[in-house]
Amino acid sequence: MAHTITEECVSCGSCQPECPVGAISEGDSIYVIDSELCTDCGACVEVCPVNAINGPDEE
């Protein structure tokens, strides 16, 4: 299961350039992670200023 971005996202965009496989894109109101591309590396989690990204074992 891939990482997910929660509604806490403030759409700052800091996570998008950190994704080595390009799985993060800007959605309608928040950024989203493509679960087919996400490799669960966690690079996005480290840079999120509002802790809006959950790992595969979190909800």
PDB file of N, CA and C in Angstrom:
ATOM      1  N   MET A   1       0.837  -1.183   0.000  1.00  0.00           N
ATOM      2  CA  MET A   1       0.000   0.000   0.000  1.00  0.00           C
ATOM      3  C   MET A   1       0.879   1.242   0.000  1.00  0.00           C
ATOM      4  N   ALA A   2       0.494   2.241  -0.734  1.00  0.00           N
ATOM      5  CA  ALA A   2       1.289   3.452  -0.912  1.00  0.00           C
ATOM      6  C   ALA A   2       1.059   4.470   0.194  1.00  0.00           C
ATOM      7  N   HIS A   3       1.941   5.448   0.263  1.00  0.00           N
ATOM      8  CA  HIS A   3       1.746   6.587   1.146  1.00  0.00           C
ATOM      9  C   HIS A   3       0.515   7.358   0.669  1.00  0.00           C
ATOM     10  N   THR A   4      -0.100   8.096   1.570  1.00  0.00           N
ATOM     11  CA  THR A   4      -1.262   8.907   1.216  1.00  0.00           C
ATOM     12  C   THR A   4      -1.118  10.299   1.807  1.00  0.00           C
ATOM     13  N   ILE A   5      -1.734  11.265   1.157  1.00  0.00           N
ATOM     14  CA  ILE A   5      -1.735  12.639   1.644  1.00  0.00           C
ATOM     15  C   ILE A   5      -3.114  12.922   2.213  1.00  0.00           C
ATOM     16  N   THR A   6      -3.151  13.427   3.438  1.00  0.00           N
ATOM     17  CA  THR A   6      -4.411  13.671   4.126  1.00  0.00           C
ATOM     18  C   THR A   6      -4.960  15.062   3.822  1.00  0.00           C
ATOM     19  N   GLU A   7      -6.153  15.322   4.326  1.00  0.00           N
ATOM     20  CA  GLU A   7      -6.805  16.621   4.161  1.00  0.00           C
ATOM     21  C   GLU A   7      -6.059  17.743   4.879  1.00  0.00           C
ATOM     22  N   GLU A   8      -5.083  17.374   5.712  1.00  0.00           N
ATOM     23  CA  GLU A   8      -4.279  18.376   6.409  1.00  0.00           C
ATOM     24  C   GLU A   8      -3.319  19.090   5.452  1.00  0.00           C
ATOM     25  N   CYS A   9      -3.178  18.584   4.241  1.00  0.00           N
ATOM     26  CA  CYS A   9      -2.285  19.157   3.228  1.00  0.00           C
ATOM     27  C   CYS A   9      -2.623  20.624   2.987  1.00  0.00           C
ATOM     28  N   VAL A  10      -1.588  21.468   2.969  1.00  0.00           N
ATOM     29  CA  VAL A  10      -1.768  22.897   2.713  1.00  0.00           C
ATOM     30  C   VAL A  10      -1.336  23.277   1.289  1.00  0.00           C
ATOM     31  N   SER A  11      -1.127  22.273   0.465  1.00  0.00           N
ATOM     32  CA  SER A  11      -0.749  22.459  -0.946  1.00  0.00           C
ATOM     33  C   SER A  11       0.491  23.330  -1.131  1.00  0.00           C
ATOM     34  N   CYS A  12       1.486  23.129  -0.285  1.00  0.00           N
ATOM     35  CA  CYS A  12       2.718  23.914  -0.393  1.00  0.00           C
ATOM     36  C   CYS A  12       3.606  23.420  -1.527  1.00  0.00           C
ATOM     37  N   GLY A  13       3.464  22.135  -1.894  1.00  0.00           N
ATOM     38  CA  GLY A  13       4.235  21.581  -2.992  1.00  0.00           C
ATOM     39  C   GLY A  13       5.617  21.091  -2.639  1.00  0.00           C
ATOM     40  N   SER A  14       5.990  21.115  -1.377  1.00  0.00           N
ATOM     41  CA  SER A  14       7.345  20.699  -1.002  1.00  0.00           C
ATOM     42  C   SER A  14       7.595  19.212  -1.237  1.00  0.00           C
ATOM     43  N   CYS A  15       6.554  18.410  -1.233  1.00  0.00           N
ATOM     44  CA  CYS A  15       6.711  16.964  -1.409  1.00  0.00           C
ATOM     45  C   CYS A  15       6.956  16.553  -2.864  1.00  0.00           C
ATOM     46  N   GLN A  16       6.365  17.260  -3.791  1.00  0.00           N
ATOM     47  CA  GLN A  16       6.411  16.853  -5.196  1.00  0.00           C
ATOM     48  C   GLN A  16       7.823  16.682  -5.746  1.00  0.00           C
ATOM     49  N   PRO A  17       8.718  17.646  -5.581  1.00  0.00           N
ATOM     50  CA  PRO A  17      10.069  17.453  -6.141  1.00  0.00           C
ATOM     51  C   PRO A  17      10.899  16.398  -5.417  1.00  0.00           C
ATOM     52  N   GLU A  18      10.496  16.017  -4.215  1.00  0.00           N
ATOM     53  CA  GLU A  18      11.241  15.014  -3.450  1.00  0.00           C
ATOM     54  C   GLU A  18      10.954  13.588  -3.902  1.00  0.00           C
ATOM     55  N   CYS A  19       9.860  13.365  -4.599  1.00  0.00           N
ATOM     56  CA  CYS A  19       9.485  12.016  -5.009  1.00  0.00           C
ATOM     57  C   CYS A  19      10.375  11.548  -6.166  1.00  0.00           C
ATOM     58  N   PRO A  20      11.161  10.492  -5.938  1.00  0.00           N
ATOM     59  CA  PRO A  20      12.090  10.036  -6.976  1.00  0.00           C
ATOM     60  C   PRO A  20      11.419   9.357  -8.172  1.00  0.00           C
ATOM     61  N   VAL A  21      10.153   8.981  -8.029  1.00  0.00           N
ATOM     62  CA  VAL A  21       9.463   8.297  -9.127  1.00  0.00           C
ATOM     63  C   VAL A  21       8.320   9.131  -9.718  1.00  0.00           C
ATOM     64  N   GLY A  22       8.173  10.374  -9.276  1.00  0.00           N
ATOM     65  CA  GLY A  22       7.147  11.254  -9.827  1.00  0.00           C
ATOM     66  C   GLY A  22       5.722  10.841  -9.510  1.00  0.00           C
ATOM     67  N   ALA A  23       5.506  10.259  -8.327  1.00  0.00           N
ATOM     68  CA  ALA A  23       4.179   9.765  -7.962  1.00  0.00           C
ATOM     69  C   ALA A  23       3.277  10.850  -7.377  1.00  0.00           C
ATOM     70  N   ILE A  24       3.818  12.019  -7.077  1.00  0.00           N
ATOM     71  CA  ILE A  24       3.031  13.076  -6.437  1.00  0.00           C
ATOM     72  C   ILE A  24       2.678  14.151  -7.459  1.00  0.00           C
ATOM     73  N   SER A  25       1.400  14.531  -7.456  1.00  0.00           N
ATOM     74  CA  SER A  25       0.951  15.582  -8.354  1.00  0.00           C
ATOM     75  C   SER A  25      -0.074  16.466  -7.642  1.00  0.00           C
ATOM     76  N   GLU A  26      -0.292  17.647  -8.198  1.00  0.00           N
ATOM     77  CA  GLU A  26      -1.247  18.573  -7.613  1.00  0.00           C
ATOM     78  C   GLU A  26      -2.657  18.126  -7.968  1.00  0.00           C
ATOM     79  N   GLY A  27      -3.501  17.948  -6.959  1.00  0.00           N
ATOM     80  CA  GLY A  27      -4.889  17.569  -7.170  1.00  0.00           C
ATOM     81  C   GLY A  27      -5.777  18.790  -7.166  1.00  0.00           C
ATOM     82  N   ASP A  28      -7.077  18.584  -7.051  1.00  0.00           N
ATOM     83  CA  ASP A  28      -8.018  19.698  -7.042  1.00  0.00           C
ATOM     84  C   ASP A  28      -7.815  20.631  -5.856  1.00  0.00           C
ATOM     85  N   SER A  29      -7.711  20.068  -4.661  1.00  0.00           N
ATOM     86  CA  SER A  29      -7.549  20.916  -3.481  1.00  0.00           C
ATOM     87  C   SER A  29      -6.297  20.594  -2.679  1.00  0.00           C
ATOM     88  N   ILE A  30      -5.765  19.376  -2.829  1.00  0.00           N
ATOM     89  CA  ILE A  30      -4.535  18.965  -2.152  1.00  0.00           C
ATOM     90  C   ILE A  30      -3.689  18.147  -3.118  1.00  0.00           C
ATOM     91  N   TYR A  31      -2.449  17.919  -2.739  1.00  0.00           N
ATOM     92  CA  TYR A  31      -1.592  17.061  -3.554  1.00  0.00           C
ATOM     93  C   TYR A  31      -2.016  15.604  -3.370  1.00  0.00           C
ATOM     94  N   VAL A  32      -1.748  14.786  -4.372  1.00  0.00           N
ATOM     95  CA  VAL A  32      -2.137  13.379  -4.320  1.00  0.00           C
ATOM     96  C   VAL A  32      -0.954  12.497  -4.712  1.00  0.00           C
ATOM     97  N   ILE A  33      -0.977  11.262  -4.214  1.00  0.00           N
ATOM     98  CA  ILE A  33       0.067  10.293  -4.527  1.00  0.00           C
ATOM     99  C   ILE A  33      -0.542   9.169  -5.348  1.00  0.00           C
ATOM    100  N   ASP A  34       0.059   8.887  -6.495  1.00  0.00           N
ATOM    101  CA  ASP A  34      -0.382   7.793  -7.357  1.00  0.00           C
ATOM    102  C   ASP A  34       0.102   6.485  -6.737  1.00  0.00           C
ATOM    103  N   SER A  35      -0.834   5.687  -6.249  1.00  0.00           N
ATOM    104  CA  SER A  35      -0.468   4.451  -5.553  1.00  0.00           C
ATOM    105  C   SER A  35       0.207   3.432  -6.463  1.00  0.00           C
ATOM    106  N   GLU A  36       0.003   3.549  -7.756  1.00  0.00           N
ATOM    107  CA  GLU A  36       0.653   2.632  -8.700  1.00  0.00           C
ATOM    108  C   GLU A  36       2.138   2.944  -8.853  1.00  0.00           C
ATOM    109  N   LEU A  37       2.514   4.200  -8.654  1.00  0.00           N
ATOM    110  CA  LEU A  37       3.905   4.610  -8.817  1.00  0.00           C
ATOM    111  C   LEU A  37       4.688   4.661  -7.512  1.00  0.00           C
ATOM    112  N   CYS A  38       3.998   4.914  -6.403  1.00  0.00           N
ATOM    113  CA  CYS A  38       4.650   5.093  -5.100  1.00  0.00           C
ATOM    114  C   CYS A  38       5.425   3.841  -4.697  1.00  0.00           C
ATOM    115  N   THR A  39       6.684   4.039  -4.292  1.00  0.00           N
ATOM    116  CA  THR A  39       7.534   2.927  -3.860  1.00  0.00           C
ATOM    117  C   THR A  39       7.712   2.901  -2.340  1.00  0.00           C
ATOM    118  N   ASP A  40       6.979   3.744  -1.627  1.00  0.00           N
ATOM    119  CA  ASP A  40       7.026   3.821  -0.168  1.00  0.00           C
ATOM    120  C   ASP A  40       8.412   4.174   0.368  1.00  0.00           C
ATOM    121  N   CYS A  41       9.127   5.023  -0.332  1.00  0.00           N
ATOM    122  CA  CYS A  41      10.472   5.399   0.119  1.00  0.00           C
ATOM    123  C   CYS A  41      10.430   6.354   1.310  1.00  0.00           C
ATOM    124  N   GLY A  42       9.356   7.139   1.428  1.00  0.00           N
ATOM    125  CA  GLY A  42       9.215   8.053   2.553  1.00  0.00           C
ATOM    126  C   GLY A  42       9.871   9.404   2.397  1.00  0.00           C
ATOM    127  N   ALA A  43      10.445   9.700   1.244  1.00  0.00           N
ATOM    128  CA  ALA A  43      11.109  10.990   1.038  1.00  0.00           C
ATOM    129  C   ALA A  43      10.139  12.151   1.224  1.00  0.00           C
ATOM    130  N   CYS A  44       8.911  11.970   0.825  1.00  0.00           N
ATOM    131  CA  CYS A  44       7.901  13.028   0.935  1.00  0.00           C
ATOM    132  C   CYS A  44       7.530  13.306   2.388  1.00  0.00           C
ATOM    133  N   VAL A  45       7.511  12.269   3.198  1.00  0.00           N
ATOM    134  CA  VAL A  45       7.148  12.412   4.610  1.00  0.00           C
ATOM    135  C   VAL A  45       8.124  13.343   5.311  1.00  0.00           C
ATOM    136  N   GLU A  46       9.399  13.198   4.994  1.00  0.00           N
ATOM    137  CA  GLU A  46      10.445  13.980   5.649  1.00  0.00           C
ATOM    138  C   GLU A  46      10.331  15.476   5.392  1.00  0.00           C
ATOM    139  N   VAL A  47       9.781  15.891   4.249  1.00  0.00           N
ATOM    140  CA  VAL A  47       9.751  17.308   3.915  1.00  0.00           C
ATOM    141  C   VAL A  47       8.397  17.980   4.146  1.00  0.00           C
ATOM    142  N   CYS A  48       7.374  17.219   4.481  1.00  0.00           N
ATOM    143  CA  CYS A  48       6.043  17.804   4.683  1.00  0.00           C
ATOM    144  C   CYS A  48       6.026  18.649   5.964  1.00  0.00           C
ATOM    145  N   PRO A  49       5.776  19.953   5.843  1.00  0.00           N
ATOM    146  CA  PRO A  49       5.829  20.829   7.020  1.00  0.00           C
ATOM    147  C   PRO A  49       4.635  20.676   7.970  1.00  0.00           C
ATOM    148  N   VAL A  50       3.564  20.038   7.524  1.00  0.00           N
ATOM    149  CA  VAL A  50       2.372  19.896   8.372  1.00  0.00           C
ATOM    150  C   VAL A  50       2.044  18.435   8.681  1.00  0.00           C
ATOM    151  N   ASN A  51       2.981  17.537   8.414  1.00  0.00           N
ATOM    152  CA  ASN A  51       2.800  16.099   8.685  1.00  0.00           C
ATOM    153  C   ASN A  51       1.506  15.557   8.096  1.00  0.00           C
ATOM    154  N   ALA A  52       1.259  15.876   6.824  1.00  0.00           N
ATOM    155  CA  ALA A  52       0.028  15.483   6.153  1.00  0.00           C
ATOM    156  C   ALA A  52       0.173  14.210   5.305  1.00  0.00           C
ATOM    157  N   ILE A  53       1.317  13.535   5.419  1.00  0.00           N
ATOM    158  CA  ILE A  53       1.543  12.345   4.612  1.00  0.00           C
ATOM    159  C   ILE A  53       1.659  11.131   5.524  1.00  0.00           C
ATOM    160  N   ASN A  54       0.800  10.155   5.272  1.00  0.00           N
ATOM    161  CA  ASN A  54       0.791   8.920   6.051  1.00  0.00           C
ATOM    162  C   ASN A  54       1.505   7.813   5.314  1.00  0.00           C
ATOM    163  N   GLY A  55       2.231   6.991   6.076  1.00  0.00           N
ATOM    164  CA  GLY A  55       2.881   5.826   5.511  1.00  0.00           C
ATOM    165  C   GLY A  55       1.879   4.719   5.273  1.00  0.00           C
ATOM    166  N   PRO A  56       2.310   3.634   4.679  1.00  0.00           N
ATOM    167  CA  PRO A  56       1.402   2.537   4.339  1.00  0.00           C
ATOM    168  C   PRO A  56       0.739   1.873   5.544  1.00  0.00           C
ATOM    169  N   ASP A  57       1.325   2.004   6.719  1.00  0.00           N
ATOM    170  CA  ASP A  57       0.760   1.374   7.912  1.00  0.00           C
ATOM    171  C   ASP A  57      -0.059   2.336   8.763  1.00  0.00           C
ATOM    172  N   GLU A  58      -0.218   3.569   8.287  1.00  0.00           N
ATOM    173  CA  GLU A  58      -0.966   4.593   9.028  1.00  0.00           C
ATOM    174  C   GLU A  58      -2.248   4.932   8.293  1.00  0.00           C
ATOM    175  N   GLU A  59      -3.206   5.465   8.996  1.00  0.00           N
ATOM    176  CA  GLU A  59      -4.443   5.945   8.350  1.00  0.00           C
ATOM    177  C   GLU A  59      -4.925   7.199   8.976  1.00  0.00           C
TER     178      GLU A  59
END
